Amino acid sequence: MQRVSFELTSEYIELNQLLKLVGLCDSGGAGKVLVASGVVWIDGQQELRKTCKIRAGQHISVGDIRIAVVAAPL
């Protein structure tokens, strides 16, 4: 399993944008398609909302890739 850490510098990030920024897709639109396909899980539950708000402390899984969202240091 590949683990990726994403440092969040704001209150939240939309799921499709997160997938783009960590390199799982080329654009936010491609991220929406990925989410709609049903392969994205947040904290162990399948997520189908393309622009779901992701906050620090959450874990996103796509296949064998796990993304840990951490708060940026102040």
C-alpha atoms as a PDB file:
ATOM      1  CA  MET A   1       0.000   0.000   0.000  1.00  0.00           C
ATOM      2  CA  GLN A   2       1.350   3.406  -0.969  1.00  0.00           C
ATOM      3  CA  ARG A   3       0.947   6.126   1.659  1.00  0.00           C
ATOM      4  CA  VAL A   4       0.753   9.822   0.806  1.00  0.00           C
ATOM      5  CA  SER A   5       0.598  12.734   3.232  1.00  0.00           C
ATOM      6  CA  PHE A   6      -1.161  15.954   2.194  1.00  0.00           C
ATOM      7  CA  GLU A   7      -0.582  19.133   4.200  1.00  0.00           C
ATOM      8  CA  LEU A   8      -3.785  21.175   4.424  1.00  0.00           C
ATOM      9  CA  THR A   9      -3.225  24.952   4.629  1.00  0.00           C
ATOM     10  CA  SER A  10      -6.898  25.965   4.834  1.00  0.00           C
ATOM     11  CA  GLU A  11     -10.008  24.767   6.682  1.00  0.00           C
ATOM     12  CA  TYR A  12     -10.866  22.177   4.016  1.00  0.00           C
ATOM     13  CA  ILE A  13     -10.249  21.065   0.431  1.00  0.00           C
ATOM     14  CA  GLU A  14     -12.774  19.604  -1.987  1.00  0.00           C
ATOM     15  CA  LEU A  15     -12.251  15.900  -2.639  1.00  0.00           C
ATOM     16  CA  ASN A  16     -11.832  16.219  -6.426  1.00  0.00           C
ATOM     17  CA  GLN A  17      -9.170  18.929  -5.953  1.00  0.00           C
ATOM     18  CA  LEU A  18      -7.307  16.833  -3.381  1.00  0.00           C
ATOM     19  CA  LEU A  19      -7.130  13.917  -5.816  1.00  0.00           C
ATOM     20  CA  LYS A  20      -5.682  16.280  -8.430  1.00  0.00           C
ATOM     21  CA  LEU A  21      -3.110  17.824  -6.070  1.00  0.00           C
ATOM     22  CA  VAL A  22      -1.740  14.465  -4.884  1.00  0.00           C
ATOM     23  CA  GLY A  23      -1.364  13.342  -8.506  1.00  0.00           C
ATOM     24  CA  LEU A  24      -4.064  10.692  -8.755  1.00  0.00           C
ATOM     25  CA  CYS A  25      -5.663  12.471 -11.713  1.00  0.00           C
ATOM     26  CA  ASP A  26      -4.803  15.261 -14.145  1.00  0.00           C
ATOM     27  CA  SER A  27      -7.659  17.661 -13.368  1.00  0.00           C
ATOM     28  CA  GLY A  28     -10.515  18.370 -10.993  1.00  0.00           C
ATOM     29  CA  GLY A  29     -12.904  17.054 -13.652  1.00  0.00           C
ATOM     30  CA  ALA A  30     -11.005  13.779 -13.819  1.00  0.00           C
ATOM     31  CA  GLY A  31     -11.185  13.691 -10.017  1.00  0.00           C
ATOM     32  CA  LYS A  32     -14.978  13.957 -10.195  1.00  0.00           C
ATOM     33  CA  VAL A  33     -15.088  11.005 -12.597  1.00  0.00           C
ATOM     34  CA  LEU A  34     -12.850   8.994 -10.259  1.00  0.00           C
ATOM     35  CA  VAL A  35     -15.141   9.704  -7.286  1.00  0.00           C
ATOM     36  CA  ALA A  36     -18.272   8.901  -9.326  1.00  0.00           C
ATOM     37  CA  SER A  37     -16.793   5.506 -10.249  1.00  0.00           C
ATOM     38  CA  GLY A  38     -17.089   4.449  -6.592  1.00  0.00           C
ATOM     39  CA  VAL A  39     -13.431   3.697  -5.868  1.00  0.00           C
ATOM     40  CA  VAL A  40     -12.850   6.491  -3.315  1.00  0.00           C
ATOM     41  CA  TRP A  41     -13.238   5.783   0.400  1.00  0.00           C
ATOM     42  CA  ILE A  42     -13.056   8.317   3.255  1.00  0.00           C
ATOM     43  CA  ASP A  43     -12.378   7.006   6.760  1.00  0.00           C
ATOM     44  CA  GLY A  44     -13.541   3.525   5.714  1.00  0.00           C
ATOM     45  CA  GLN A  45     -16.774   4.583   3.984  1.00  0.00           C
ATOM     46  CA  GLN A  46     -17.387   4.828   0.254  1.00  0.00           C
ATOM     47  CA  GLU A  47     -17.709   8.442  -0.903  1.00  0.00           C
ATOM     48  CA  LEU A  48     -19.682   9.471  -4.003  1.00  0.00           C
ATOM     49  CA  ARG A  49     -19.908  13.239  -3.350  1.00  0.00           C
ATOM     50  CA  LYS A  50     -17.406  14.757  -5.770  1.00  0.00           C
ATOM     51  CA  THR A  51     -16.865  18.024  -3.889  1.00  0.00           C
ATOM     52  CA  CYS A  52     -17.036  16.586  -0.366  1.00  0.00           C
ATOM     53  CA  LYS A  53     -15.129  18.795   2.096  1.00  0.00           C
ATOM     54  CA  ILE A  54     -11.998  17.062   3.352  1.00  0.00           C
ATOM     55  CA  ARG A  55     -10.512  18.292   6.624  1.00  0.00           C
ATOM     56  CA  ALA A  56      -7.315  17.572   8.546  1.00  0.00           C
ATOM     57  CA  GLY A  57      -7.365  14.170  10.241  1.00  0.00           C
ATOM     58  CA  GLN A  58      -9.268  12.360   7.513  1.00  0.00           C
ATOM     59  CA  HIS A  59      -7.895   9.442   5.497  1.00  0.00           C
ATOM     60  CA  ILE A  60      -8.768   8.855   1.843  1.00  0.00           C
ATOM     61  CA  SER A  61      -8.230   5.514   0.103  1.00  0.00           C
ATOM     62  CA  VAL A  62      -8.197   4.944  -3.646  1.00  0.00           C
ATOM     63  CA  GLY A  63      -7.240   1.394  -4.554  1.00  0.00           C
ATOM     64  CA  ASP A  64      -3.948   0.659  -2.791  1.00  0.00           C
ATOM     65  CA  ILE A  65      -3.181   4.362  -2.182  1.00  0.00           C
ATOM     66  CA  ARG A  66      -3.932   5.905   1.205  1.00  0.00           C
ATOM     67  CA  ILE A  67      -3.860   9.684   1.676  1.00  0.00           C
ATOM     68  CA  ALA A  68      -3.499  11.142   5.171  1.00  0.00           C
ATOM     69  CA  VAL A  69      -4.636  14.764   5.413  1.00  0.00           C
ATOM     70  CA  VAL A  70      -2.679  16.668   8.052  1.00  0.00           C
ATOM     71  CA  ALA A  71      -2.928  20.267   9.242  1.00  0.00           C
ATOM     72  CA  ALA A  72      -0.100  22.565   8.185  1.00  0.00           C
ATOM     73  CA  PRO A  73       1.975  23.863  11.080  1.00  0.00           C
ATOM     74  CA  LEU A  74       1.143  27.419  12.117  1.00  0.00           C
END
